[in-house]
Amino acid sequence: MRKICIALLIVVALSACARNEPLVSTGRLTVVQDSATLPAPVRQDLITADRPALIGPLDTIQVDVFNVPDLSREMQVDASGRIAMPLVGTIDARGKTAQELAVMVEAALRGRYVRNPEVTVNIKSSVSQVVTIDGQVIEPGLYPVTNQMTLLRAIASAKGMNEFARTEEVVILRTVEGRKMAGLYNIEAIRRGAYDDPPIYANDVIVVGDSPQRRLFRDFVSLAPLLAAPLIAVFQ
């Protein structure tokens, strides 16, 4: 019976091709008629809004003070999120962007006999901005979060899903303003364009396949292939 159904599907597909019926645009997909290739992106397509990269404990940063080489140095943020510099003292760098920290260092130097200090700060390596990827992926673990990380890119960082993964049972755990939240996503639906690939942020936990958190969605998992959007919940 299964072979008969497959054969019928092939016949229907071939008959549609034979009639040259055009694809029809939908609310999620606009079909470009008579286009044989995917157009190349323009410059504006390659520019996306960056999320701010925040400095955290044990990150390594480079602080450069223009024309004061003795103050320029590479340093590691301590476990409490602080840095210490000559003439500057101790500054809490945790949760600051590189630009915000540079402004703070400039302000401290200005009060320590450095005329018109110009400071630049660069984050050389970050161990605090990470996402946890667990469950049915090839290489579970902690992965650095870039400013353009999405769910599909995060899973790709873990070398993809393994043979036991259930693509309709992917959970993102996140704390928002003190509330523990979770979203249930269907990877195949994202790949088909049913809804957008969600952004991933530092401290997110992604669980692919079975988990206690995923089981909280047990009444909805069977409907996941039918969902037109992610299912978002707040843990009570």
C-alpha atoms as a PDB file:
ATOM      1  CA  MET A   1       0.000   0.000   0.000  1.00  0.00           C
ATOM      2  CA  ARG A   2       2.866   2.364   0.879  1.00  0.00           C
ATOM      3  CA  LYS A   3       4.504   1.785  -2.492  1.00  0.00           C
ATOM      4  CA  ILE A   4       1.224   2.571  -4.227  1.00  0.00           C
ATOM      5  CA  CYS A   5       0.902   5.880  -2.340  1.00  0.00           C
ATOM      6  CA  ILE A   6       4.472   6.869  -3.236  1.00  0.00           C
ATOM      7  CA  ALA A   7       3.843   6.013  -6.867  1.00  0.00           C
ATOM      8  CA  LEU A   8       0.708   8.169  -6.891  1.00  0.00           C
ATOM      9  CA  LEU A   9       2.618  11.117  -5.411  1.00  0.00           C
ATOM     10  CA  ILE A  10       5.283  10.820  -8.106  1.00  0.00           C
ATOM     11  CA  VAL A  11       2.618  10.732 -10.827  1.00  0.00           C
ATOM     12  CA  VAL A  12       0.938  13.865  -9.418  1.00  0.00           C
ATOM     13  CA  ALA A  13       4.266  15.691  -9.240  1.00  0.00           C
ATOM     14  CA  LEU A  14       5.220  14.757 -12.779  1.00  0.00           C
ATOM     15  CA  SER A  15       1.812  15.747 -14.138  1.00  0.00           C
ATOM     16  CA  ALA A  16       2.137  19.195 -12.487  1.00  0.00           C
ATOM     17  CA  CYS A  17       5.564  19.641 -14.077  1.00  0.00           C
ATOM     18  CA  ALA A  18       4.208  18.571 -17.445  1.00  0.00           C
ATOM     19  CA  ARG A  19       1.522  21.264 -17.267  1.00  0.00           C
ATOM     20  CA  ASN A  20       4.195  23.828 -16.204  1.00  0.00           C
ATOM     21  CA  GLU A  21       1.929  25.091 -13.453  1.00  0.00           C
ATOM     22  CA  PRO A  22       3.653  28.020 -11.710  1.00  0.00           C
ATOM     23  CA  LEU A  23       4.352  27.981  -7.987  1.00  0.00           C
ATOM     24  CA  VAL A  24       1.969  30.150  -6.012  1.00  0.00           C
ATOM     25  CA  SER A  25       3.130  32.765  -3.498  1.00  0.00           C
ATOM     26  CA  THR A  26       1.914  32.493   0.078  1.00  0.00           C
ATOM     27  CA  GLY A  27       1.980  34.770   3.098  1.00  0.00           C
ATOM     28  CA  ARG A  28       5.399  33.362   4.047  1.00  0.00           C
ATOM     29  CA  LEU A  29       6.896  32.884   0.589  1.00  0.00           C
ATOM     30  CA  THR A  30       7.023  35.116  -2.450  1.00  0.00           C
ATOM     31  CA  VAL A  31       7.823  33.206  -5.609  1.00  0.00           C
ATOM     32  CA  VAL A  32      10.083  34.962  -8.140  1.00  0.00           C
ATOM     33  CA  GLN A  33       8.713  33.963 -11.513  1.00  0.00           C
ATOM     34  CA  ASP A  34      11.086  33.077 -14.384  1.00  0.00           C
ATOM     35  CA  SER A  35      14.154  33.213 -12.111  1.00  0.00           C
ATOM     36  CA  ALA A  36      16.652  30.427 -12.683  1.00  0.00           C
ATOM     37  CA  THR A  37      19.230  31.420 -10.055  1.00  0.00           C
ATOM     38  CA  LEU A  38      19.302  32.938  -6.599  1.00  0.00           C
ATOM     39  CA  PRO A  39      20.414  36.588  -6.865  1.00  0.00           C
ATOM     40  CA  ALA A  40      23.645  37.628  -5.169  1.00  0.00           C
ATOM     41  CA  PRO A  41      23.273  39.749  -2.019  1.00  0.00           C
ATOM     42  CA  VAL A  42      24.008  43.464  -2.125  1.00  0.00           C
ATOM     43  CA  ARG A  43      26.133  45.257   0.478  1.00  0.00           C
ATOM     44  CA  GLN A  44      23.125  46.180   2.621  1.00  0.00           C
ATOM     45  CA  ASP A  45      22.088  42.525   2.765  1.00  0.00           C
ATOM     46  CA  LEU A  46      25.397  41.687   4.423  1.00  0.00           C
ATOM     47  CA  ILE A  47      24.985  44.240   7.205  1.00  0.00           C
ATOM     48  CA  THR A  48      22.919  43.207  10.200  1.00  0.00           C
ATOM     49  CA  ALA A  49      22.335  44.939  13.484  1.00  0.00           C
ATOM     50  CA  ASP A  50      24.870  43.683  16.006  1.00  0.00           C
ATOM     51  CA  ARG A  51      23.925  42.719  19.502  1.00  0.00           C
ATOM     52  CA  PRO A  52      26.205  44.272  22.114  1.00  0.00           C
ATOM     53  CA  ALA A  53      29.006  41.963  23.269  1.00  0.00           C
ATOM     54  CA  LEU A  54      29.180  42.185  27.044  1.00  0.00           C
ATOM     55  CA  ILE A  55      32.281  41.645  29.164  1.00  0.00           C
ATOM     56  CA  GLY A  56      32.051  38.962  31.826  1.00  0.00           C
ATOM     57  CA  PRO A  57      34.198  37.154  34.405  1.00  0.00           C
ATOM     58  CA  LEU A  58      37.378  35.507  33.097  1.00  0.00           C
ATOM     59  CA  ASP A  59      37.097  37.174  29.676  1.00  0.00           C
ATOM     60  CA  THR A  60      40.346  38.424  28.168  1.00  0.00           C
ATOM     61  CA  ILE A  61      40.412  42.057  27.023  1.00  0.00           C
ATOM     62  CA  GLN A  62      42.928  44.409  25.452  1.00  0.00           C
ATOM     63  CA  VAL A  63      43.052  47.956  26.831  1.00  0.00           C
ATOM     64  CA  ASP A  64      45.012  50.515  24.794  1.00  0.00           C
ATOM     65  CA  VAL A  65      45.680  54.055  26.012  1.00  0.00           C
ATOM     66  CA  PHE A  66      46.782  56.291  23.145  1.00  0.00           C
ATOM     67  CA  ASN A  67      50.318  57.632  23.619  1.00  0.00           C
ATOM     68  CA  VAL A  68      50.659  55.948  27.027  1.00  0.00           C
ATOM     69  CA  PRO A  69      52.141  52.522  26.227  1.00  0.00           C
ATOM     70  CA  ASP A  70      52.889  51.782  29.888  1.00  0.00           C
ATOM     71  CA  LEU A  71      49.149  51.685  30.550  1.00  0.00           C
ATOM     72  CA  SER A  72      48.249  49.618  27.514  1.00  0.00           C
ATOM     73  CA  ARG A  73      47.935  45.930  28.274  1.00  0.00           C
ATOM     74  CA  GLU A  74      46.115  42.671  27.779  1.00  0.00           C
ATOM     75  CA  MET A  75      44.364  41.447  30.908  1.00  0.00           C
ATOM     76  CA  GLN A  76      41.895  38.907  32.168  1.00  0.00           C
ATOM     77  CA  VAL A  77      38.772  39.982  33.988  1.00  0.00           C
ATOM     78  CA  ASP A  78      38.766  38.381  37.435  1.00  0.00           C
ATOM     79  CA  ALA A  79      36.146  35.963  38.705  1.00  0.00           C
ATOM     80  CA  SER A  80      34.111  38.801  40.216  1.00  0.00           C
ATOM     81  CA  GLY A  81      34.069  40.725  36.912  1.00  0.00           C
ATOM     82  CA  ARG A  82      36.656  43.368  37.849  1.00  0.00           C
ATOM     83  CA  ILE A  83      39.880  44.663  36.301  1.00  0.00           C
ATOM     84  CA  ALA A  84      42.736  46.600  37.914  1.00  0.00           C
ATOM     85  CA  MET A  85      45.011  49.132  36.157  1.00  0.00           C
ATOM     86  CA  PRO A  86      47.712  51.557  37.266  1.00  0.00           C
ATOM     87  CA  LEU A  87      46.332  55.074  37.925  1.00  0.00           C
ATOM     88  CA  VAL A  88      42.861  53.683  37.382  1.00  0.00           C
ATOM     89  CA  GLY A  89      42.447  51.289  40.267  1.00  0.00           C
ATOM     90  CA  THR A  90      39.727  48.663  40.246  1.00  0.00           C
ATOM     91  CA  ILE A  91      36.781  48.901  37.859  1.00  0.00           C
ATOM     92  CA  ASP A  92      33.760  46.640  37.629  1.00  0.00           C
ATOM     93  CA  ALA A  93      33.761  45.547  33.960  1.00  0.00           C
ATOM     94  CA  ARG A  94      31.025  42.927  34.254  1.00  0.00           C
ATOM     95  CA  GLY A  95      28.053  43.526  31.969  1.00  0.00           C
ATOM     96  CA  LYS A  96      29.749  46.431  30.177  1.00  0.00           C
ATOM     97  CA  THR A  97      30.349  46.717  26.451  1.00  0.00           C
ATOM     98  CA  ALA A  98      33.903  47.424  25.290  1.00  0.00           C
ATOM     99  CA  GLN A  99      32.936  51.036  24.513  1.00  0.00           C
ATOM    100  CA  GLU A 100      31.319  51.534  27.930  1.00  0.00           C
ATOM    101  CA  LEU A 101      34.407  50.203  29.695  1.00  0.00           C
ATOM    102  CA  ALA A 102      36.658  52.460  27.575  1.00  0.00           C
ATOM    103  CA  VAL A 103      34.633  55.501  28.680  1.00  0.00           C
ATOM    104  CA  MET A 104      34.971  54.444  32.334  1.00  0.00           C
ATOM    105  CA  VAL A 105      38.750  54.023  32.007  1.00  0.00           C
ATOM    106  CA  GLU A 106      39.020  57.414  30.307  1.00  0.00           C
ATOM    107  CA  ALA A 107      37.082  59.052  33.132  1.00  0.00           C
ATOM    108  CA  ALA A 108      39.325  57.436  35.754  1.00  0.00           C
ATOM    109  CA  LEU A 109      42.517  58.466  33.942  1.00  0.00           C
ATOM    110  CA  ARG A 110      41.279  62.026  33.494  1.00  0.00           C
ATOM    111  CA  GLY A 111      41.234  62.341  37.248  1.00  0.00           C
ATOM    112  CA  ARG A 112      44.752  60.871  37.519  1.00  0.00           C
ATOM    113  CA  TYR A 113      46.800  63.477  35.647  1.00  0.00           C
ATOM    114  CA  VAL A 114      46.362  62.047  32.132  1.00  0.00           C
ATOM    115  CA  ARG A 115      45.344  64.869  29.822  1.00  0.00           C
ATOM    116  CA  ASN A 116      42.619  64.019  27.302  1.00  0.00           C
ATOM    117  CA  PRO A 117      43.031  60.229  27.513  1.00  0.00           C
ATOM    118  CA  GLU A 118      41.908  58.173  24.535  1.00  0.00           C
ATOM    119  CA  VAL A 119      41.142  54.577  25.400  1.00  0.00           C
ATOM    120  CA  THR A 120      40.054  51.656  23.265  1.00  0.00           C
ATOM    121  CA  VAL A 121      38.971  48.271  24.627  1.00  0.00           C
ATOM    122  CA  ASN A 122      38.675  45.075  22.640  1.00  0.00           C
ATOM    123  CA  ILE A 123      37.341  41.716  23.809  1.00  0.00           C
ATOM    124  CA  LYS A 124      39.977  39.216  22.713  1.00  0.00           C
ATOM    125  CA  SER A 125      38.295  36.075  24.015  1.00  0.00           C
ATOM    126  CA  SER A 126      35.120  35.428  25.938  1.00  0.00           C
ATOM    127  CA  VAL A 127      34.290  32.521  28.196  1.00  0.00           C
ATOM    128  CA  SER A 128      31.302  34.192  29.829  1.00  0.00           C
ATOM    129  CA  GLN A 129      29.132  34.615  26.730  1.00  0.00           C
ATOM    130  CA  VAL A 130      28.244  30.996  26.065  1.00  0.00           C
ATOM    131  CA  VAL A 131      25.240  28.840  25.263  1.00  0.00           C
ATOM    132  CA  THR A 132      24.746  25.302  26.574  1.00  0.00           C
ATOM    133  CA  ILE A 133      23.725  22.756  23.936  1.00  0.00           C
ATOM    134  CA  ASP A 134      22.552  19.427  25.307  1.00  0.00           C
ATOM    135  CA  GLY A 135      20.572  16.377  24.313  1.00  0.00           C
ATOM    136  CA  GLN A 136      20.658  14.580  20.988  1.00  0.00           C
ATOM    137  CA  VAL A 137      23.462  16.471  19.246  1.00  0.00           C
ATOM    138  CA  ILE A 138      26.812  15.129  18.082  1.00  0.00           C
ATOM    139  CA  GLU A 139      28.920  17.203  20.493  1.00  0.00           C
ATOM    140  CA  PRO A 140      27.002  18.580  23.496  1.00  0.00           C
ATOM    141  CA  GLY A 141      28.777  21.300  25.443  1.00  0.00           C
ATOM    142  CA  LEU A 142      29.339  25.009  25.957  1.00  0.00           C
ATOM    143  CA  TYR A 143      29.722  27.151  22.843  1.00  0.00           C
ATOM    144  CA  PRO A 144      30.573  30.860  22.481  1.00  0.00           C
ATOM    145  CA  VAL A 145      27.679  33.091  21.485  1.00  0.00           C
ATOM    146  CA  THR A 146      28.288  35.401  18.553  1.00  0.00           C
ATOM    147  CA  ASN A 147      26.163  38.464  17.880  1.00  0.00           C
ATOM    148  CA  GLN A 148      24.380  36.642  15.048  1.00  0.00           C
ATOM    149  CA  MET A 149      23.803  33.273  16.721  1.00  0.00           C
ATOM    150  CA  THR A 150      20.510  31.540  15.894  1.00  0.00           C
ATOM    151  CA  LEU A 151      19.072  28.165  16.849  1.00  0.00           C
ATOM    152  CA  LEU A 152      20.113  26.472  13.604  1.00  0.00           C
ATOM    153  CA  ARG A 153      23.624  27.933  13.828  1.00  0.00           C
ATOM    154  CA  ALA A 154      23.939  26.856  17.458  1.00  0.00           C
ATOM    155  CA  ILE A 155      22.989  23.271  16.599  1.00  0.00           C
ATOM    156  CA  ALA A 156      25.446  23.347  13.705  1.00  0.00           C
ATOM    157  CA  SER A 157      28.154  24.433  16.187  1.00  0.00           C
ATOM    158  CA  ALA A 158      27.479  21.193  18.070  1.00  0.00           C
ATOM    159  CA  LYS A 159      28.079  19.276  14.808  1.00  0.00           C
ATOM    160  CA  GLY A 160      24.373  18.832  14.199  1.00  0.00           C
ATOM    161  CA  MET A 161      21.794  16.396  15.532  1.00  0.00           C
ATOM    162  CA  ASN A 162      22.505  12.728  16.008  1.00  0.00           C
ATOM    163  CA  GLU A 163      20.481   9.822  14.658  1.00  0.00           C
ATOM    164  CA  PHE A 164      18.189   9.767  17.706  1.00  0.00           C
ATOM    165  CA  ALA A 165      17.255  13.458  17.587  1.00  0.00           C
ATOM    166  CA  ARG A 166      13.618  14.487  17.305  1.00  0.00           C
ATOM    167  CA  THR A 167      13.570  17.653  15.231  1.00  0.00           C
ATOM    168  CA  GLU A 168      10.117  18.641  16.478  1.00  0.00           C
ATOM    169  CA  GLU A 169      11.219  18.536  20.123  1.00  0.00           C
ATOM    170  CA  VAL A 170      13.846  21.262  20.542  1.00  0.00           C
ATOM    171  CA  VAL A 171      13.576  23.416  23.663  1.00  0.00           C
ATOM    172  CA  ILE A 172      15.278  26.734  24.410  1.00  0.00           C
ATOM    173  CA  LEU A 173      15.480  27.566  28.132  1.00  0.00           C
ATOM    174  CA  ARG A 174      16.007  31.232  29.033  1.00  0.00           C
ATOM    175  CA  THR A 175      15.728  33.490  32.064  1.00  0.00           C
ATOM    176  CA  VAL A 176      14.022  36.811  31.282  1.00  0.00           C
ATOM    177  CA  GLU A 177      13.738  39.405  34.058  1.00  0.00           C
ATOM    178  CA  GLY A 178      14.030  36.669  36.647  1.00  0.00           C
ATOM    179  CA  ARG A 179      11.408  34.438  35.027  1.00  0.00           C
ATOM    180  CA  LYS A 180      12.409  31.023  33.725  1.00  0.00           C
ATOM    181  CA  MET A 181      10.962  30.622  30.257  1.00  0.00           C
ATOM    182  CA  ALA A 182      11.026  27.910  27.622  1.00  0.00           C
ATOM    183  CA  GLY A 183      10.230  27.730  23.939  1.00  0.00           C
ATOM    184  CA  LEU A 184       9.384  24.590  21.983  1.00  0.00           C
ATOM    185  CA  TYR A 185      10.637  24.666  18.391  1.00  0.00           C
ATOM    186  CA  ASN A 186      10.385  22.430  15.351  1.00  0.00           C
ATOM    187  CA  ILE A 187      13.663  22.468  13.417  1.00  0.00           C
ATOM    188  CA  GLU A 188      12.108  21.117  10.234  1.00  0.00           C
ATOM    189  CA  ALA A 189       9.443  23.840  10.356  1.00  0.00           C
ATOM    190  CA  ILE A 190      12.197  26.468  10.622  1.00  0.00           C
ATOM    191  CA  ARG A 191      14.042  24.910   7.689  1.00  0.00           C
ATOM    192  CA  ARG A 192      10.835  25.008   5.635  1.00  0.00           C
ATOM    193  CA  GLY A 193      10.363  28.682   6.489  1.00  0.00           C
ATOM    194  CA  ALA A 194       7.194  28.138   8.537  1.00  0.00           C
ATOM    195  CA  TYR A 195       8.639  30.606  11.055  1.00  0.00           C
ATOM    196  CA  ASP A 196      11.883  32.455  11.682  1.00  0.00           C
ATOM    197  CA  ASP A 197      15.071  30.928  13.031  1.00  0.00           C
ATOM    198  CA  PRO A 198      15.087  32.320  16.602  1.00  0.00           C
ATOM    199  CA  PRO A 199      18.093  34.255  17.945  1.00  0.00           C
ATOM    200  CA  ILE A 200      20.190  32.689  20.697  1.00  0.00           C
ATOM    201  CA  TYR A 201      21.648  34.685  23.581  1.00  0.00           C
ATOM    202  CA  ALA A 202      24.276  34.120  26.258  1.00  0.00           C
ATOM    203  CA  ASN A 203      23.212  31.764  29.067  1.00  0.00           C
ATOM    204  CA  ASP A 204      20.536  30.086  26.920  1.00  0.00           C
ATOM    205  CA  VAL A 205      20.232  26.314  27.238  1.00  0.00           C
ATOM    206  CA  ILE A 206      19.235  24.363  24.128  1.00  0.00           C
ATOM    207  CA  VAL A 207      17.961  20.816  24.623  1.00  0.00           C
ATOM    208  CA  VAL A 208      17.459  18.606  21.579  1.00  0.00           C
ATOM    209  CA  GLY A 209      15.234  15.591  22.145  1.00  0.00           C
ATOM    210  CA  ASP A 210      14.163  14.144  25.458  1.00  0.00           C
ATOM    211  CA  SER A 211      14.627  16.081  28.709  1.00  0.00           C
ATOM    212  CA  PRO A 212      12.635  16.908  31.864  1.00  0.00           C
ATOM    213  CA  GLN A 213      12.040  20.390  30.448  1.00  0.00           C
ATOM    214  CA  ARG A 214      10.797  18.989  27.163  1.00  0.00           C
ATOM    215  CA  ARG A 215       8.403  16.714  29.032  1.00  0.00           C
ATOM    216  CA  LEU A 216       6.635  19.805  30.363  1.00  0.00           C
ATOM    217  CA  PHE A 217       5.392  20.188  26.784  1.00  0.00           C
ATOM    218  CA  ARG A 218       4.174  16.575  26.568  1.00  0.00           C
ATOM    219  CA  ASP A 219       0.609  17.647  25.787  1.00  0.00           C
ATOM    220  CA  PHE A 220       1.850  19.729  22.862  1.00  0.00           C
ATOM    221  CA  VAL A 221       4.707  17.688  21.418  1.00  0.00           C
ATOM    222  CA  SER A 222       2.346  15.551  19.355  1.00  0.00           C
ATOM    223  CA  LEU A 223       1.020  18.788  17.801  1.00  0.00           C
ATOM    224  CA  ALA A 224       4.460  20.291  17.164  1.00  0.00           C
ATOM    225  CA  PRO A 225       4.505  19.435  13.420  1.00  0.00           C
ATOM    226  CA  LEU A 226       1.208  21.351  13.092  1.00  0.00           C
ATOM    227  CA  LEU A 227       2.289  24.475  14.977  1.00  0.00           C
ATOM    228  CA  ALA A 228       2.642  27.559  12.801  1.00  0.00           C
ATOM    229  CA  ALA A 229       4.832  29.277  15.389  1.00  0.00           C
ATOM    230  CA  PRO A 230       7.032  28.365  18.364  1.00  0.00           C
ATOM    231  CA  LEU A 231       5.295  27.472  21.603  1.00  0.00           C
ATOM    232  CA  ILE A 232       6.519  29.709  24.428  1.00  0.00           C
ATOM    233  CA  ALA A 233       5.874  29.043  28.114  1.00  0.00           C
ATOM    234  CA  VAL A 234       6.837  30.437  31.496  1.00  0.00           C
ATOM    235  CA  PHE A 235       7.783  28.013  34.233  1.00  0.00           C
ATOM    236  CA  GLN A 236       5.667  28.490  37.327  1.00  0.00           C
END
